[in-house]
Amino acid sequence: TVTDWVDRSLVDGLVDMIGGATRNSGKVLAVLQTGQVQFYGSVVVFGVIVILVGFLLFGSGV
Protein backbone atom coordinates (compact mmCIF):
# COMPACT_ATOMS: atom_id res chain seq x y z
CA THR A 1 0.00 0.00 0.00
CA VAL A 2 0.94 3.63 -0.19
CA THR A 3 1.52 3.93 3.55
CA ASP A 4 3.92 0.98 3.49
CA TRP A 5 5.88 2.57 0.67
CA VAL A 6 5.99 5.94 2.46
CA ASP A 7 7.18 4.22 5.64
CA ARG A 8 9.88 2.18 3.90
CA SER A 9 11.06 4.80 1.45
CA LEU A 10 10.67 8.13 3.18
CA VAL A 11 10.60 7.50 6.92
CA ASP A 12 13.15 4.68 7.00
CA GLY A 13 15.29 6.47 4.43
CA LEU A 14 15.34 9.64 6.50
CA VAL A 15 16.22 7.74 9.67
CA ASP A 16 19.00 5.83 7.87
CA MET A 17 20.35 9.07 6.39
CA ILE A 18 20.47 10.79 9.79
CA GLY A 19 22.17 7.74 11.31
CA GLY A 20 24.73 7.62 8.52
CA ALA A 21 25.47 11.32 8.80
CA THR A 22 25.97 10.96 12.55
CA ARG A 23 28.27 7.97 12.08
CA ASN A 24 30.32 9.71 9.38
CA SER A 25 30.67 12.96 11.32
CA GLY A 26 31.82 10.92 14.32
CA LYS A 27 34.54 9.32 12.22
CA VAL A 28 35.70 12.72 11.00
CA LEU A 29 35.64 14.30 14.46
CA ALA A 30 37.42 11.33 16.07
CA VAL A 31 40.59 12.48 14.32
CA LEU A 32 40.49 15.66 16.42
CA GLN A 33 40.56 13.73 19.71
CA THR A 34 44.20 14.06 20.68
CA GLY A 35 43.87 13.88 24.45
CA GLN A 36 45.93 17.06 24.77
CA VAL A 37 44.18 19.65 26.91
CA GLN A 38 46.27 22.46 25.42
CA PHE A 39 44.96 21.59 21.95
CA TYR A 40 41.36 21.62 23.17
CA GLY A 41 41.92 24.99 24.86
CA SER A 42 43.43 26.40 21.69
CA VAL A 43 40.43 25.26 19.67
CA VAL A 44 38.04 26.89 22.15
CA VAL A 45 39.98 30.18 22.10
CA PHE A 46 40.07 30.11 18.29
CA GLY A 47 36.32 29.49 18.16
CA VAL A 48 35.59 32.37 20.53
CA ILE A 49 37.77 34.68 18.44
CA VAL A 50 35.95 33.64 15.26
CA ILE A 51 32.57 34.31 16.90
CA LEU A 52 33.68 37.70 18.23
CA VAL A 53 35.07 38.75 14.86
CA GLY A 54 31.80 37.66 13.26
CA PHE A 55 29.82 39.83 15.66
CA LEU A 56 32.14 42.78 15.08
CA LEU A 57 31.95 42.48 11.29
CA PHE A 58 28.28 41.63 10.87
CA GLY A 59 26.70 42.98 14.06
CA SER A 60 24.28 41.14 16.28
CA GLY A 61 21.30 41.74 13.99
CA VAL A 62 19.08 42.75 16.91
PDB file of N, CA and C in Angstrom:
ATOM      1  N   THR A   1       0.834  -1.192   0.000  1.00  0.00           N
ATOM      2  CA  THR A   1       0.000   0.000   0.000  1.00  0.00           C
ATOM      3  C   THR A   1       0.874   1.249   0.000  1.00  0.00           C
ATOM      4  N   VAL A   2       0.223   2.355  -0.144  1.00  0.00           N
ATOM      5  CA  VAL A   2       0.937   3.633  -0.193  1.00  0.00           C
ATOM      6  C   VAL A   2       1.614   3.923   1.145  1.00  0.00           C
ATOM      7  N   THR A   3       0.931   3.643   2.235  1.00  0.00           N
ATOM      8  CA  THR A   3       1.519   3.935   3.551  1.00  0.00           C
ATOM      9  C   THR A   3       2.744   3.071   3.817  1.00  0.00           C
ATOM     10  N   ASP A   4       2.732   1.827   3.342  1.00  0.00           N
ATOM     11  CA  ASP A   4       3.918   0.975   3.491  1.00  0.00           C
ATOM     12  C   ASP A   4       5.093   1.544   2.708  1.00  0.00           C
ATOM     13  N   TRP A   5       4.818   1.998   1.487  1.00  0.00           N
ATOM     14  CA  TRP A   5       5.876   2.569   0.668  1.00  0.00           C
ATOM     15  C   TRP A   5       6.437   3.840   1.306  1.00  0.00           C
ATOM     16  N   VAL A   6       5.555   4.703   1.805  1.00  0.00           N
ATOM     17  CA  VAL A   6       5.994   5.941   2.459  1.00  0.00           C
ATOM     18  C   VAL A   6       6.846   5.602   3.673  1.00  0.00           C
ATOM     19  N   ASP A   7       6.420   4.606   4.443  1.00  0.00           N
ATOM     20  CA  ASP A   7       7.179   4.222   5.636  1.00  0.00           C
ATOM     21  C   ASP A   7       8.552   3.687   5.255  1.00  0.00           C
ATOM     22  N   ARG A   8       8.603   2.779   4.289  1.00  0.00           N
ATOM     23  CA  ARG A   8       9.882   2.176   3.898  1.00  0.00           C
ATOM     24  C   ARG A   8      10.788   3.175   3.194  1.00  0.00           C
ATOM     25  N   SER A   9      10.239   3.925   2.281  1.00  0.00           N
ATOM     26  CA  SER A   9      11.063   4.800   1.450  1.00  0.00           C
ATOM     27  C   SER A   9      11.415   6.111   2.131  1.00  0.00           C
ATOM     28  N   LEU A  10      10.428   6.789   2.641  1.00  0.00           N
ATOM     29  CA  LEU A  10      10.668   8.127   3.175  1.00  0.00           C
ATOM     30  C   LEU A  10      11.102   8.103   4.634  1.00  0.00           C
ATOM     31  N   VAL A  11      10.304   7.468   5.481  1.00  0.00           N
ATOM     32  CA  VAL A  11      10.596   7.497   6.916  1.00  0.00           C
ATOM     33  C   VAL A  11      11.878   6.728   7.211  1.00  0.00           C
ATOM     34  N   ASP A  12      11.951   5.470   6.746  1.00  0.00           N
ATOM     35  CA  ASP A  12      13.149   4.677   7.005  1.00  0.00           C
ATOM     36  C   ASP A  12      14.369   5.287   6.322  1.00  0.00           C
ATOM     37  N   GLY A  13      14.173   5.831   5.124  1.00  0.00           N
ATOM     38  CA  GLY A  13      15.287   6.467   4.428  1.00  0.00           C
ATOM     39  C   GLY A  13      15.813   7.671   5.181  1.00  0.00           C
ATOM     40  N   LEU A  14      14.924   8.475   5.735  1.00  0.00           N
ATOM     41  CA  LEU A  14      15.343   9.644   6.503  1.00  0.00           C
ATOM     42  C   LEU A  14      16.089   9.230   7.767  1.00  0.00           C
ATOM     43  N   VAL A  15      15.567   8.215   8.450  1.00  0.00           N
ATOM     44  CA  VAL A  15      16.225   7.739   9.669  1.00  0.00           C
ATOM     45  C   VAL A  15      17.601   7.172   9.343  1.00  0.00           C
ATOM     46  N   ASP A  16      17.708   6.389   8.273  1.00  0.00           N
ATOM     47  CA  ASP A  16      19.002   5.832   7.872  1.00  0.00           C
ATOM     48  C   ASP A  16      19.980   6.930   7.476  1.00  0.00           C
ATOM     49  N   MET A  17      19.480   7.969   6.800  1.00  0.00           N
ATOM     50  CA  MET A  17      20.346   9.069   6.388  1.00  0.00           C
ATOM     51  C   MET A  17      20.884   9.825   7.604  1.00  0.00           C
ATOM     52  N   ILE A  18      20.033  10.088   8.576  1.00  0.00           N
ATOM     53  CA  ILE A  18      20.475  10.787   9.787  1.00  0.00           C
ATOM     54  C   ILE A  18      21.486   9.935  10.544  1.00  0.00           C
ATOM     55  N   GLY A  19      21.225   8.637  10.644  1.00  0.00           N
ATOM     56  CA  GLY A  19      22.166   7.745  11.315  1.00  0.00           C
ATOM     57  C   GLY A  19      23.505   7.692  10.609  1.00  0.00           C
ATOM     58  N   GLY A  20      23.483   7.635   9.288  1.00  0.00           N
ATOM     59  CA  GLY A  20      24.726   7.617   8.521  1.00  0.00           C
ATOM     60  C   GLY A  20      25.504   8.913   8.658  1.00  0.00           C
ATOM     61  N   ALA A  21      24.795  10.032   8.645  1.00  0.00           N
ATOM     62  CA  ALA A  21      25.466  11.325   8.805  1.00  0.00           C
ATOM     63  C   ALA A  21      26.104  11.433  10.182  1.00  0.00           C
ATOM     64  N   THR A  22      25.412  10.935  11.200  1.00  0.00           N
ATOM     65  CA  THR A  22      25.967  10.957  12.552  1.00  0.00           C
ATOM     66  C   THR A  22      27.210  10.089  12.636  1.00  0.00           C
ATOM     67  N   ARG A  23      27.138   8.891  12.062  1.00  0.00           N
ATOM     68  CA  ARG A  23      28.274   7.971  12.083  1.00  0.00           C
ATOM     69  C   ARG A  23      29.473   8.573  11.343  1.00  0.00           C
ATOM     70  N   ASN A  24      29.233   9.139  10.162  1.00  0.00           N
ATOM     71  CA  ASN A  24      30.324   9.709   9.376  1.00  0.00           C
ATOM     72  C   ASN A  24      30.936  10.932  10.040  1.00  0.00           C
ATOM     73  N   SER A  25      30.106  11.791  10.634  1.00  0.00           N
ATOM     74  CA  SER A  25      30.667  12.960  11.316  1.00  0.00           C
ATOM     75  C   SER A  25      31.460  12.524  12.540  1.00  0.00           C
ATOM     76  N   GLY A  26      31.050  11.451  13.197  1.00  0.00           N
ATOM     77  CA  GLY A  26      31.819  10.923  14.322  1.00  0.00           C
ATOM     78  C   GLY A  26      33.186  10.430  13.891  1.00  0.00           C
ATOM     79  N   LYS A  27      33.250   9.790  12.729  1.00  0.00           N
ATOM     80  CA  LYS A  27      34.542   9.316  12.216  1.00  0.00           C
ATOM     81  C   LYS A  27      35.462  10.492  11.909  1.00  0.00           C
ATOM     82  N   VAL A  28      34.893  11.546  11.335  1.00  0.00           N
ATOM     83  CA  VAL A  28      35.699  12.724  10.999  1.00  0.00           C
ATOM     84  C   VAL A  28      36.181  13.416  12.269  1.00  0.00           C
ATOM     85  N   LEU A  29      35.281  13.587  13.236  1.00  0.00           N
ATOM     86  CA  LEU A  29      35.640  14.305  14.459  1.00  0.00           C
ATOM     87  C   LEU A  29      36.547  13.488  15.373  1.00  0.00           C
ATOM     88  N   ALA A  30      36.557  12.165  15.233  1.00  0.00           N
ATOM     89  CA  ALA A  30      37.421  11.332  16.068  1.00  0.00           C
ATOM     90  C   ALA A  30      38.893  11.645  15.828  1.00  0.00           C
ATOM     91  N   VAL A  31      39.212  12.124  14.633  1.00  0.00           N
ATOM     92  CA  VAL A  31      40.594  12.481  14.316  1.00  0.00           C
ATOM     93  C   VAL A  31      41.065  13.636  15.199  1.00  0.00           C
ATOM     94  N   LEU A  32      40.134  14.496  15.620  1.00  0.00           N
ATOM     95  CA  LEU A  32      40.493  15.658  16.423  1.00  0.00           C
ATOM     96  C   LEU A  32      40.719  15.325  17.888  1.00  0.00           C
ATOM     97  N   GLN A  33      40.387  14.105  18.308  1.00  0.00           N
ATOM     98  CA  GLN A  33      40.559  13.733  19.707  1.00  0.00           C
ATOM     99  C   GLN A  33      42.014  13.351  19.942  1.00  0.00           C
ATOM    100  N   THR A  34      42.781  14.298  20.453  1.00  0.00           N
ATOM    101  CA  THR A  34      44.200  14.062  20.675  1.00  0.00           C
ATOM    102  C   THR A  34      44.507  13.731  22.123  1.00  0.00           C
ATOM    103  N   GLY A  35      43.614  14.092  23.035  1.00  0.00           N
ATOM    104  CA  GLY A  35      43.873  13.877  24.452  1.00  0.00           C
ATOM    105  C   GLY A  35      44.739  14.970  25.059  1.00  0.00           C
ATOM    106  N   GLN A  36      45.084  15.974  24.285  1.00  0.00           N
ATOM    107  CA  GLN A  36      45.929  17.057  24.771  1.00  0.00           C
ATOM    108  C   GLN A  36      45.053  18.253  25.131  1.00  0.00           C
ATOM    109  N   VAL A  37      45.035  18.581  26.417  1.00  0.00           N
ATOM    110  CA  VAL A  37      44.176  19.651  26.911  1.00  0.00           C
ATOM    111  C   VAL A  37      44.559  20.986  26.279  1.00  0.00           C
ATOM    112  N   GLN A  38      45.833  21.201  26.033  1.00  0.00           N
ATOM    113  CA  GLN A  38      46.273  22.456  25.420  1.00  0.00           C
ATOM    114  C   GLN A  38      45.651  22.621  24.031  1.00  0.00           C
ATOM    115  N   PHE A  39      45.568  21.536  23.287  1.00  0.00           N
ATOM    116  CA  PHE A  39      44.964  21.592  21.953  1.00  0.00           C
ATOM    117  C   PHE A  39      43.493  21.961  22.056  1.00  0.00           C
ATOM    118  N   TYR A  40      42.784  21.325  22.991  1.00  0.00           N
ATOM    119  CA  TYR A  40      41.364  21.619  23.174  1.00  0.00           C
ATOM    120  C   TYR A  40      41.168  23.082  23.562  1.00  0.00           C
ATOM    121  N   GLY A  41      42.010  23.582  24.453  1.00  0.00           N
ATOM    122  CA  GLY A  41      41.925  24.987  24.857  1.00  0.00           C
ATOM    123  C   GLY A  41      42.171  25.920  23.687  1.00  0.00           C
ATOM    124  N   SER A  42      43.136  25.583  22.860  1.00  0.00           N
ATOM    125  CA  SER A  42      43.432  26.402  21.685  1.00  0.00           C
ATOM    126  C   SER A  42      42.247  26.443  20.728  1.00  0.00           C
ATOM    127  N   VAL A  43      41.590  25.313  20.553  1.00  0.00           N
ATOM    128  CA  VAL A  43      40.427  25.262  19.665  1.00  0.00           C
ATOM    129  C   VAL A  43      39.301  26.124  20.221  1.00  0.00           C
ATOM    130  N   VAL A  44      39.082  26.077  21.532  1.00  0.00           N
ATOM    131  CA  VAL A  44      38.036  26.891  22.154  1.00  0.00           C
ATOM    132  C   VAL A  44      38.347  28.374  21.977  1.00  0.00           C
ATOM    133  N   VAL A  45      39.584  28.768  22.243  1.00  0.00           N
ATOM    134  CA  VAL A  45      39.978  30.177  22.096  1.00  0.00           C
ATOM    135  C   VAL A  45      39.809  30.617  20.642  1.00  0.00           C
ATOM    136  N   PHE A  46      40.226  29.781  19.710  1.00  0.00           N
ATOM    137  CA  PHE A  46      40.073  30.107  18.290  1.00  0.00           C
ATOM    138  C   PHE A  46      38.596  30.282  17.934  1.00  0.00           C
ATOM    139  N   GLY A  47      37.750  29.396  18.428  1.00  0.00           N
ATOM    140  CA  GLY A  47      36.317  29.491  18.160  1.00  0.00           C
ATOM    141  C   GLY A  47      35.708  30.760  18.715  1.00  0.00           C
ATOM    142  N   VAL A  48      36.105  31.138  19.922  1.00  0.00           N
ATOM    143  CA  VAL A  48      35.593  32.367  20.533  1.00  0.00           C
ATOM    144  C   VAL A  48      36.030  33.579  19.718  1.00  0.00           C
ATOM    145  N   ILE A  49      37.271  33.573  19.259  1.00  0.00           N
ATOM    146  CA  ILE A  49      37.768  34.684  18.443  1.00  0.00           C
ATOM    147  C   ILE A  49      36.978  34.779  17.139  1.00  0.00           C
ATOM    148  N   VAL A  50      36.717  33.643  16.507  1.00  0.00           N
ATOM    149  CA  VAL A  50      35.946  33.644  15.259  1.00  0.00           C
ATOM    150  C   VAL A  50      34.547  34.206  15.497  1.00  0.00           C
ATOM    151  N   ILE A  51      33.914  33.806  16.588  1.00  0.00           N
ATOM    152  CA  ILE A  51      32.570  34.306  16.899  1.00  0.00           C
ATOM    153  C   ILE A  51      32.598  35.807  17.166  1.00  0.00           C
ATOM    154  N   LEU A  52      33.577  36.272  17.939  1.00  0.00           N
ATOM    155  CA  LEU A  52      33.677  37.702  18.233  1.00  0.00           C
ATOM    156  C   LEU A  52      33.924  38.519  16.972  1.00  0.00           C
ATOM    157  N   VAL A  53      34.809  38.043  16.111  1.00  0.00           N
ATOM    158  CA  VAL A  53      35.073  38.747  14.856  1.00  0.00           C
ATOM    159  C   VAL A  53      33.804  38.781  14.003  1.00  0.00           C
ATOM    160  N   GLY A  54      33.055  37.690  13.998  1.00  0.00           N
ATOM    161  CA  GLY A  54      31.797  37.662  13.255  1.00  0.00           C
ATOM    162  C   GLY A  54      30.820  38.699  13.762  1.00  0.00           C
ATOM    163  N   PHE A  55      30.704  38.816  15.093  1.00  0.00           N
ATOM    164  CA  PHE A  55      29.816  39.827  15.662  1.00  0.00           C
ATOM    165  C   PHE A  55      30.303  41.232  15.336  1.00  0.00           C
ATOM    166  N   LEU A  56      31.608  41.452  15.383  1.00  0.00           N
ATOM    167  CA  LEU A  56      32.136  42.778  15.079  1.00  0.00           C
ATOM    168  C   LEU A  56      31.920  43.149  13.613  1.00  0.00           C
ATOM    169  N   LEU A  57      32.083  42.188  12.721  1.00  0.00           N
ATOM    170  CA  LEU A  57      31.950  42.475  11.294  1.00  0.00           C
ATOM    171  C   LEU A  57      30.495  42.587  10.849  1.00  0.00           C
ATOM    172  N   PHE A  58      29.647  41.719  11.370  1.00  0.00           N
ATOM    173  CA  PHE A  58      28.280  41.635  10.867  1.00  0.00           C
ATOM    174  C   PHE A  58      27.240  42.138  11.847  1.00  0.00           C
ATOM    175  N   GLY A  59      27.639  42.494  13.057  1.00  0.00           N
ATOM    176  CA  GLY A  59      26.698  42.977  14.058  1.00  0.00           C
ATOM    177  C   GLY A  59      25.856  41.850  14.618  1.00  0.00           C
ATOM    178  N   SER A  60      25.104  42.168  15.633  1.00  0.00           N
ATOM    179  CA  SER A  60      24.285  41.141  16.278  1.00  0.00           C
ATOM    180  C   SER A  60      22.961  40.940  15.560  1.00  0.00           C
ATOM    181  N   GLY A  61      22.545  41.870  14.731  1.00  0.00           N
ATOM    182  CA  GLY A  61      21.299  41.735  13.989  1.00  0.00           C
ATOM    183  C   GLY A  61      20.060  41.963  14.832  1.00  0.00           C
ATOM    184  N   VAL A  62      20.232  42.520  16.030  1.00  0.00           N
ATOM    185  CA  VAL A  62      19.083  42.747  16.915  1.00  0.00           C
ATOM    186  C   VAL A  62      18.600  44.164  16.755  1.00  0.00           C
TER     187      VAL A  62
END
